[in-house]
Amino acid sequence: MSLVALLLSQSISTQTEPKVFDLRSLPVSSHCGDANTTEIVVCGQRDPDKYRVKPIPNADRFEQGPLIARVELGHGATASAEAEAVSLGAGVQSNRMMARLKIKF
């Protein structure tokens, strides 16, 4: 009987809702004061653009289009690195990384 009472007491638990608060709604202090033993003091600068990625200046001077990893080896030979995706049927796709050496003759 005591085992049943123990199991019932564990299944009836009181759960409290977590407190939701937003630190952005607190007033901004211009100085950091000293904290006593019951406070947490967070000091820092609020600069949302500090780590934001900025647009590239004069971005129109860069070539728009696919990048081709190709190098001329001389005497009509070229080496390139290419990626391919080929369907093998039945919903299977083969992703390939190819290194090609082309020689004109």
N, C-alpha and C. Protein backbone atom coordinates (compact mmCIF):
# COMPACT_ATOMS: atom_id res chain seq x y z
N MET A 1 0.82 -1.20 0.00
CA MET A 1 0.00 0.00 0.00
C MET A 1 0.86 1.26 0.00
N SER A 2 1.97 1.22 0.75
CA SER A 2 2.83 2.40 0.80
C SER A 2 3.51 2.63 -0.55
N LEU A 3 3.71 1.58 -1.32
CA LEU A 3 4.31 1.72 -2.65
C LEU A 3 3.35 2.47 -3.59
N VAL A 4 2.08 2.16 -3.50
CA VAL A 4 1.08 2.83 -4.32
C VAL A 4 0.99 4.31 -3.93
N ALA A 5 1.03 4.60 -2.66
CA ALA A 5 0.97 5.99 -2.20
C ALA A 5 2.21 6.76 -2.67
N LEU A 6 3.36 6.11 -2.68
CA LEU A 6 4.59 6.74 -3.13
C LEU A 6 4.52 7.05 -4.63
N LEU A 7 4.02 6.10 -5.41
CA LEU A 7 3.90 6.33 -6.85
C LEU A 7 2.90 7.43 -7.16
N LEU A 8 1.78 7.49 -6.45
CA LEU A 8 0.80 8.55 -6.67
C LEU A 8 1.34 9.92 -6.29
N SER A 9 2.14 9.97 -5.26
CA SER A 9 2.69 11.26 -4.84
C SER A 9 3.71 11.78 -5.85
N GLN A 10 4.39 10.88 -6.53
CA GLN A 10 5.35 11.32 -7.54
C GLN A 10 4.65 11.77 -8.81
N SER A 11 3.53 11.18 -9.14
CA SER A 11 2.83 11.56 -10.36
C SER A 11 2.13 12.90 -10.22
N ILE A 12 1.80 13.30 -9.01
CA ILE A 12 1.16 14.59 -8.77
C ILE A 12 2.25 15.58 -8.40
N SER A 13 2.69 16.31 -9.38
CA SER A 13 3.74 17.29 -9.11
C SER A 13 3.24 18.67 -9.51
N THR A 14 3.70 19.64 -8.80
CA THR A 14 3.31 21.01 -9.12
C THR A 14 4.42 21.62 -9.96
N GLN A 15 4.06 22.04 -11.14
CA GLN A 15 5.04 22.67 -12.02
C GLN A 15 4.71 24.14 -12.12
N THR A 16 5.73 24.94 -11.99
CA THR A 16 5.55 26.38 -12.12
C THR A 16 5.95 26.81 -13.52
N GLU A 17 5.28 27.82 -14.02
CA GLU A 17 5.59 28.35 -15.34
C GLU A 17 6.89 29.17 -15.25
N PRO A 18 7.73 29.09 -16.27
CA PRO A 18 8.96 29.90 -16.23
C PRO A 18 8.62 31.38 -16.40
N LYS A 19 9.39 32.21 -15.76
CA LYS A 19 9.19 33.65 -15.87
C LYS A 19 9.83 34.14 -17.15
N VAL A 20 9.08 34.88 -17.92
CA VAL A 20 9.57 35.41 -19.19
C VAL A 20 9.87 36.88 -18.99
N PHE A 21 11.07 37.28 -19.38
CA PHE A 21 11.43 38.69 -19.30
C PHE A 21 12.35 39.01 -20.47
N ASP A 22 12.38 40.27 -20.84
CA ASP A 22 13.17 40.74 -21.96
C ASP A 22 14.15 41.78 -21.45
N LEU A 23 15.44 41.52 -21.62
CA LEU A 23 16.45 42.45 -21.14
C LEU A 23 16.47 43.75 -21.93
N ARG A 24 15.96 43.71 -23.18
CA ARG A 24 15.94 44.93 -23.99
C ARG A 24 14.97 45.96 -23.44
N SER A 25 13.99 45.54 -22.64
CA SER A 25 13.01 46.49 -22.10
C SER A 25 13.54 47.23 -20.88
N LEU A 26 14.67 46.82 -20.35
CA LEU A 26 15.23 47.49 -19.18
C LEU A 26 15.92 48.78 -19.59
N PRO A 27 15.95 49.77 -18.73
CA PRO A 27 16.61 51.03 -19.08
C PRO A 27 18.12 50.83 -19.21
N VAL A 28 18.70 51.58 -20.15
CA VAL A 28 20.13 51.48 -20.40
C VAL A 28 20.85 52.45 -19.48
N SER A 29 21.81 51.95 -18.75
CA SER A 29 22.59 52.79 -17.85
C SER A 29 23.90 53.15 -18.55
N SER A 30 24.36 54.35 -18.32
CA SER A 30 25.60 54.79 -18.97
C SER A 30 26.84 54.32 -18.22
N HIS A 31 26.67 53.77 -17.05
CA HIS A 31 27.81 53.29 -16.29
C HIS A 31 27.47 51.94 -15.67
N CYS A 32 28.49 51.21 -15.36
CA CYS A 32 28.30 49.92 -14.69
C CYS A 32 28.58 50.12 -13.21
N GLY A 33 27.61 49.85 -12.43
CA GLY A 33 27.79 49.97 -10.99
C GLY A 33 28.31 48.67 -10.40
N ASP A 34 28.63 48.71 -9.15
CA ASP A 34 29.08 47.52 -8.45
C ASP A 34 27.87 46.68 -8.07
N ALA A 35 28.04 45.38 -8.16
CA ALA A 35 26.95 44.48 -7.81
C ALA A 35 27.14 43.99 -6.38
N ASN A 36 26.03 43.87 -5.69
CA ASN A 36 26.13 43.24 -4.38
C ASN A 36 26.02 41.73 -4.58
N THR A 37 25.89 41.00 -3.54
CA THR A 37 25.92 39.53 -3.65
C THR A 37 24.66 38.95 -4.26
N THR A 38 23.59 39.72 -4.40
CA THR A 38 22.35 39.18 -4.93
C THR A 38 22.03 39.69 -6.34
N GLU A 39 22.91 40.49 -6.94
CA GLU A 39 22.63 41.05 -8.25
C GLU A 39 23.61 40.52 -9.29
N ILE A 40 23.15 40.51 -10.50
CA ILE A 40 24.01 40.19 -11.64
C ILE A 40 24.08 41.45 -12.49
N VAL A 41 25.28 41.93 -12.74
CA VAL A 41 25.46 43.15 -13.52
C VAL A 41 26.08 42.75 -14.86
N VAL A 42 25.43 43.15 -15.95
CA VAL A 42 25.94 42.89 -17.29
C VAL A 42 26.26 44.22 -17.92
N CYS A 43 27.52 44.42 -18.27
CA CYS A 43 27.96 45.67 -18.88
C CYS A 43 28.44 45.39 -20.30
N GLY A 44 28.12 46.27 -21.18
CA GLY A 44 28.56 46.11 -22.56
C GLY A 44 28.03 47.22 -23.41
N GLN A 45 28.47 47.22 -24.66
CA GLN A 45 28.01 48.24 -25.59
C GLN A 45 26.93 47.63 -26.49
N ARG A 46 25.92 48.42 -26.76
CA ARG A 46 24.87 47.98 -27.66
C ARG A 46 25.12 48.58 -29.03
N ASP A 47 25.71 47.79 -29.90
CA ASP A 47 25.96 48.23 -31.27
C ASP A 47 25.52 47.09 -32.19
N PRO A 48 24.27 47.12 -32.67
CA PRO A 48 23.79 46.00 -33.48
C PRO A 48 24.50 45.88 -34.82
N ASP A 49 25.15 46.94 -35.30
CA ASP A 49 25.83 46.89 -36.60
C ASP A 49 27.30 46.55 -36.48
N LYS A 50 27.77 46.26 -35.28
CA LYS A 50 29.20 46.02 -35.09
C LYS A 50 29.69 44.82 -35.89
N TYR A 51 28.97 43.72 -35.90
CA TYR A 51 29.40 42.52 -36.59
C TYR A 51 28.54 42.21 -37.81
N ARG A 52 27.73 43.14 -38.25
CA ARG A 52 26.87 42.93 -39.41
C ARG A 52 27.72 42.95 -40.68
N VAL A 53 27.43 42.06 -41.61
CA VAL A 53 28.15 42.01 -42.87
C VAL A 53 27.64 43.15 -43.75
N LYS A 54 28.55 43.98 -44.20
CA LYS A 54 28.19 45.13 -45.00
C LYS A 54 28.31 44.79 -46.49
N PRO A 55 27.58 45.49 -47.35
CA PRO A 55 27.70 45.22 -48.79
C PRO A 55 29.11 45.52 -49.29
N ILE A 56 29.51 44.80 -50.32
CA ILE A 56 30.83 45.00 -50.91
C ILE A 56 30.81 46.30 -51.72
N PRO A 57 31.73 47.21 -51.45
CA PRO A 57 31.75 48.44 -52.26
C PRO A 57 32.20 48.10 -53.69
N ASN A 58 31.62 48.76 -54.65
CA ASN A 58 31.92 48.55 -56.08
C ASN A 58 31.74 47.09 -56.49
N ALA A 59 30.67 46.47 -56.04
CA ALA A 59 30.44 45.06 -56.34
C ALA A 59 30.17 44.82 -57.81
N ASP A 60 29.79 45.85 -58.56
CA ASP A 60 29.50 45.67 -59.97
C ASP A 60 30.75 45.40 -60.80
N ARG A 61 31.94 45.62 -60.26
CA ARG A 61 33.16 45.37 -61.02
C ARG A 61 33.51 43.89 -61.08
N PHE A 62 32.86 43.07 -60.25
CA PHE A 62 33.12 41.63 -60.27
C PHE A 62 32.27 40.98 -61.33
N GLU A 63 32.82 39.98 -61.97
CA GLU A 63 32.12 39.29 -63.05
C GLU A 63 30.96 38.48 -62.49
N GLN A 64 29.81 38.62 -63.12
CA GLN A 64 28.63 37.84 -62.74
C GLN A 64 28.57 36.62 -63.63
N GLY A 65 28.40 35.48 -63.04
CA GLY A 65 28.28 34.26 -63.83
C GLY A 65 28.91 33.10 -63.09
N PRO A 66 28.90 31.94 -63.72
CA PRO A 66 29.45 30.76 -63.04
C PRO A 66 30.96 30.84 -62.91
N LEU A 67 31.45 30.34 -61.80
CA LEU A 67 32.89 30.28 -61.58
C LEU A 67 33.41 28.96 -62.16
N ILE A 68 34.46 29.02 -62.93
CA ILE A 68 35.02 27.83 -63.55
C ILE A 68 36.45 27.67 -63.04
N ALA A 69 36.73 26.55 -62.40
CA ALA A 69 38.07 26.27 -61.90
C ALA A 69 38.85 25.58 -63.01
N ARG A 70 39.53 26.40 -63.82
CA ARG A 70 40.25 25.87 -64.97
C ARG A 70 41.59 26.58 -65.07
N VAL A 71 42.62 25.83 -65.43
CA VAL A 71 43.95 26.40 -65.61
C VAL A 71 44.52 25.89 -66.93
N GLU A 72 45.18 26.80 -67.65
CA GLU A 72 45.86 26.43 -68.90
C GLU A 72 47.23 25.87 -68.56
N LEU A 73 47.52 24.68 -69.05
CA LEU A 73 48.80 24.04 -68.77
C LEU A 73 49.83 24.29 -69.87
N GLY A 74 49.37 24.76 -71.01
CA GLY A 74 50.27 25.02 -72.13
C GLY A 74 50.16 23.94 -73.20
N HIS A 75 50.51 24.31 -74.44
CA HIS A 75 50.46 23.39 -75.59
C HIS A 75 49.07 22.80 -75.77
N GLY A 76 48.03 23.58 -75.53
CA GLY A 76 46.65 23.13 -75.75
C GLY A 76 46.09 22.23 -74.67
N ALA A 77 46.73 22.15 -73.53
CA ALA A 77 46.25 21.29 -72.44
C ALA A 77 45.64 22.17 -71.34
N THR A 78 44.51 21.72 -70.81
CA THR A 78 43.86 22.42 -69.71
C THR A 78 43.49 21.40 -68.63
N ALA A 79 43.48 21.87 -67.39
CA ALA A 79 43.04 21.05 -66.25
C ALA A 79 41.91 21.81 -65.58
N SER A 80 40.86 21.07 -65.16
CA SER A 80 39.73 21.72 -64.52
C SER A 80 39.15 20.82 -63.44
N ALA A 81 38.45 21.44 -62.50
CA ALA A 81 37.72 20.72 -61.46
C ALA A 81 36.25 21.06 -61.63
N GLU A 82 35.40 20.02 -61.68
CA GLU A 82 33.98 20.23 -61.96
C GLU A 82 33.15 19.36 -61.04
N ALA A 83 31.93 19.80 -60.78
CA ALA A 83 30.96 19.03 -60.00
C ALA A 83 29.82 18.64 -60.93
N GLU A 84 29.36 17.40 -60.81
CA GLU A 84 28.27 16.90 -61.65
C GLU A 84 27.25 16.19 -60.79
N ALA A 85 26.01 16.20 -61.26
CA ALA A 85 24.95 15.42 -60.64
C ALA A 85 24.25 14.67 -61.78
N VAL A 86 24.28 13.34 -61.72
CA VAL A 86 23.73 12.50 -62.78
C VAL A 86 22.66 11.59 -62.19
N SER A 87 21.52 11.51 -62.87
CA SER A 87 20.44 10.63 -62.43
C SER A 87 20.71 9.22 -62.95
N LEU A 88 20.70 8.24 -62.04
CA LEU A 88 20.94 6.86 -62.41
C LEU A 88 19.65 6.08 -62.60
N GLY A 89 18.51 6.72 -62.43
CA GLY A 89 17.22 6.06 -62.56
C GLY A 89 16.71 5.60 -61.21
N ALA A 90 15.43 5.35 -61.15
CA ALA A 90 14.74 4.89 -59.93
C ALA A 90 14.95 5.87 -58.76
N GLY A 91 15.10 7.16 -59.08
CA GLY A 91 15.23 8.16 -58.03
C GLY A 91 16.59 8.26 -57.40
N VAL A 92 17.59 7.61 -57.97
CA VAL A 92 18.95 7.63 -57.42
C VAL A 92 19.76 8.69 -58.17
N GLN A 93 20.45 9.52 -57.43
CA GLN A 93 21.26 10.57 -58.03
C GLN A 93 22.71 10.38 -57.60
N SER A 94 23.63 10.49 -58.55
CA SER A 94 25.05 10.36 -58.27
C SER A 94 25.68 11.73 -58.32
N ASN A 95 26.22 12.19 -57.19
CA ASN A 95 26.93 13.46 -57.13
C ASN A 95 28.41 13.16 -57.31
N ARG A 96 29.04 13.87 -58.25
CA ARG A 96 30.42 13.57 -58.59
C ARG A 96 31.28 14.82 -58.54
N MET A 97 32.52 14.64 -58.14
CA MET A 97 33.54 15.68 -58.23
C MET A 97 34.56 15.17 -59.23
N MET A 98 34.71 15.88 -60.32
CA MET A 98 35.55 15.42 -61.41
C MET A 98 36.77 16.32 -61.57
N ALA A 99 37.92 15.72 -61.80
CA ALA A 99 39.13 16.43 -62.20
C ALA A 99 39.40 16.03 -63.64
N ARG A 100 39.39 17.01 -64.54
CA ARG A 100 39.51 16.70 -65.97
C ARG A 100 40.81 17.27 -66.51
N LEU A 101 41.44 16.49 -67.37
CA LEU A 101 42.62 16.91 -68.10
C LEU A 101 42.29 16.79 -69.58
N LYS A 102 42.28 17.92 -70.27
CA LYS A 102 41.93 17.93 -71.70
C LYS A 102 43.15 18.34 -72.50
N ILE A 103 43.43 17.56 -73.54
CA ILE A 103 44.55 17.83 -74.42
C ILE A 103 44.04 17.92 -75.85
N LYS A 104 44.29 19.04 -76.52
CA LYS A 104 43.87 19.20 -77.91
C LYS A 104 44.91 18.55 -78.79
N PHE A 105 44.41 17.85 -79.82
CA PHE A 105 45.34 17.25 -80.77
C PHE A 105 44.82 17.40 -82.18
